[in-house]
Amino acid sequence: MIATRHEEFSERQAQWDAFNQWQSGREPEPLSLEERLAWYVAAFDFTFGLLKPVSVNDIEAKVQFIRHVRERLAHVK
């Protein structure tokens, strides 16, 4: 299994090397102001869509969990 992971890593590294070589040989394409703005808006929308809103109940549950774990660890010592 480890050999397979190493082979997968080597294959992926070869892909990245080929991509980096291809990209470094290209001239940068000029983007208009509208295209740049559209790119930033799309990136913002994408990242904003990934963020999950955290409720007060979620935070309270995590705090209670940490307190419970600390109480258990105190008894282990």
C-alpha atoms as a PDB file:
ATOM      1  CA  MET A   1       0.000   0.000   0.000  1.00  0.00           C
ATOM      2  CA  ILE A   2       2.860   2.363   0.778  1.00  0.00           C
ATOM      3  CA  ALA A   3       4.439   1.608  -2.587  1.00  0.00           C
ATOM      4  CA  THR A   4       1.177   2.541  -4.280  1.00  0.00           C
ATOM      5  CA  ARG A   5       1.039   5.845  -2.441  1.00  0.00           C
ATOM      6  CA  HIS A   6       4.642   6.550  -3.393  1.00  0.00           C
ATOM      7  CA  GLU A   7       3.866   5.762  -7.019  1.00  0.00           C
ATOM      8  CA  GLU A   8       0.797   8.015  -6.909  1.00  0.00           C
ATOM      9  CA  PHE A   9       2.853  10.789  -5.375  1.00  0.00           C
ATOM     10  CA  SER A  10       5.564  10.398  -8.005  1.00  0.00           C
ATOM     11  CA  GLU A  11       2.974  10.472 -10.778  1.00  0.00           C
ATOM     12  CA  ARG A  12       1.310  13.573  -9.340  1.00  0.00           C
ATOM     13  CA  GLN A  13       4.693  15.288  -8.922  1.00  0.00           C
ATOM     14  CA  ALA A  14       5.500  14.557 -12.566  1.00  0.00           C
ATOM     15  CA  GLN A  15       2.188  16.144 -13.558  1.00  0.00           C
ATOM     16  CA  TRP A  16       2.960  19.253 -11.504  1.00  0.00           C
ATOM     17  CA  ASP A  17       6.460  19.469 -12.988  1.00  0.00           C
ATOM     18  CA  ALA A  18       5.048  19.251 -16.523  1.00  0.00           C
ATOM     19  CA  PHE A  19       2.434  21.896 -15.713  1.00  0.00           C
ATOM     20  CA  ASN A  20       5.014  24.232 -14.180  1.00  0.00           C
ATOM     21  CA  GLN A  21       7.286  23.835 -17.192  1.00  0.00           C
ATOM     22  CA  TRP A  22       4.378  24.560 -19.553  1.00  0.00           C
ATOM     23  CA  GLN A  23       3.241  27.549 -17.508  1.00  0.00           C
ATOM     24  CA  SER A  24       6.711  29.082 -17.204  1.00  0.00           C
ATOM     25  CA  GLY A  25       7.132  28.965 -20.991  1.00  0.00           C
ATOM     26  CA  ARG A  26       3.938  30.938 -21.669  1.00  0.00           C
ATOM     27  CA  GLU A  27       3.634  34.656 -21.936  1.00  0.00           C
ATOM     28  CA  PRO A  28       1.121  36.124 -19.503  1.00  0.00           C
ATOM     29  CA  GLU A  29      -2.156  36.994 -21.164  1.00  0.00           C
ATOM     30  CA  PRO A  30      -3.301  40.535 -20.555  1.00  0.00           C
ATOM     31  CA  LEU A  31      -6.673  40.762 -18.821  1.00  0.00           C
ATOM     32  CA  SER A  32      -8.995  43.680 -19.096  1.00  0.00           C
ATOM     33  CA  LEU A  33     -10.167  45.455 -15.977  1.00  0.00           C
ATOM     34  CA  GLU A  34     -13.602  43.861 -16.390  1.00  0.00           C
ATOM     35  CA  GLU A  35     -12.090  40.371 -16.608  1.00  0.00           C
ATOM     36  CA  ARG A  36      -9.957  40.961 -13.529  1.00  0.00           C
ATOM     37  CA  LEU A  37     -12.930  42.254 -11.589  1.00  0.00           C
ATOM     38  CA  ALA A  38     -15.044  39.299 -12.696  1.00  0.00           C
ATOM     39  CA  TRP A  39     -12.283  36.918 -11.547  1.00  0.00           C
ATOM     40  CA  TYR A  40     -12.109  38.506  -8.085  1.00  0.00           C
ATOM     41  CA  VAL A  41     -15.898  38.507  -7.748  1.00  0.00           C
ATOM     42  CA  ALA A  42     -16.042  34.834  -8.732  1.00  0.00           C
ATOM     43  CA  ALA A  43     -13.259  33.973  -6.275  1.00  0.00           C
ATOM     44  CA  PHE A  44     -15.038  35.854  -3.491  1.00  0.00           C
ATOM     45  CA  ASP A  45     -18.350  34.157  -4.252  1.00  0.00           C
ATOM     46  CA  PHE A  46     -16.646  30.768  -4.317  1.00  0.00           C
ATOM     47  CA  THR A  47     -14.902  31.202  -0.969  1.00  0.00           C
ATOM     48  CA  PHE A  48     -17.915  32.831   0.641  1.00  0.00           C
ATOM     49  CA  GLY A  49     -20.025  29.880  -0.447  1.00  0.00           C
ATOM     50  CA  LEU A  50     -17.634  27.466   1.268  1.00  0.00           C
ATOM     51  CA  LEU A  51     -17.867  29.180   4.630  1.00  0.00           C
ATOM     52  CA  LYS A  52     -20.383  27.554   6.906  1.00  0.00           C
ATOM     53  CA  PRO A  53     -22.089  29.919   9.296  1.00  0.00           C
ATOM     54  CA  VAL A  54     -21.451  28.965  12.913  1.00  0.00           C
ATOM     55  CA  SER A  55     -24.355  29.207  15.300  1.00  0.00           C
ATOM     56  CA  VAL A  56     -24.204  29.938  19.008  1.00  0.00           C
ATOM     57  CA  ASN A  57     -25.404  26.383  19.646  1.00  0.00           C
ATOM     58  CA  ASP A  58     -22.422  24.975  17.718  1.00  0.00           C
ATOM     59  CA  ILE A  59     -19.997  27.034  19.795  1.00  0.00           C
ATOM     60  CA  GLU A  60     -21.686  26.076  23.068  1.00  0.00           C
ATOM     61  CA  ALA A  61     -21.583  22.385  22.115  1.00  0.00           C
ATOM     62  CA  LYS A  62     -17.859  22.599  21.379  1.00  0.00           C
ATOM     63  CA  VAL A  63     -17.188  24.400  24.671  1.00  0.00           C
ATOM     64  CA  GLN A  64     -19.130  21.728  26.578  1.00  0.00           C
ATOM     65  CA  PHE A  65     -17.213  18.998  24.760  1.00  0.00           C
ATOM     66  CA  ILE A  66     -13.854  20.563  25.657  1.00  0.00           C
ATOM     67  CA  ARG A  67     -14.918  20.947  29.292  1.00  0.00           C
ATOM     68  CA  HIS A  68     -15.982  17.307  29.375  1.00  0.00           C
ATOM     69  CA  VAL A  69     -12.648  16.188  27.886  1.00  0.00           C
ATOM     70  CA  ARG A  70     -10.725  18.306  30.430  1.00  0.00           C
ATOM     71  CA  GLU A  71     -12.709  16.751  33.289  1.00  0.00           C
ATOM     72  CA  ARG A  72     -11.888  13.279  32.022  1.00  0.00           C
ATOM     73  CA  LEU A  73      -8.220  14.130  31.584  1.00  0.00           C
ATOM     74  CA  ALA A  74      -8.086  15.502  35.129  1.00  0.00           C
ATOM     75  CA  HIS A  75      -9.169  12.082  36.430  1.00  0.00           C
ATOM     76  CA  VAL A  76      -6.562  10.310  34.309  1.00  0.00           C
ATOM     77  CA  LYS A  77      -3.677  12.164  35.978  1.00  0.00           C
END
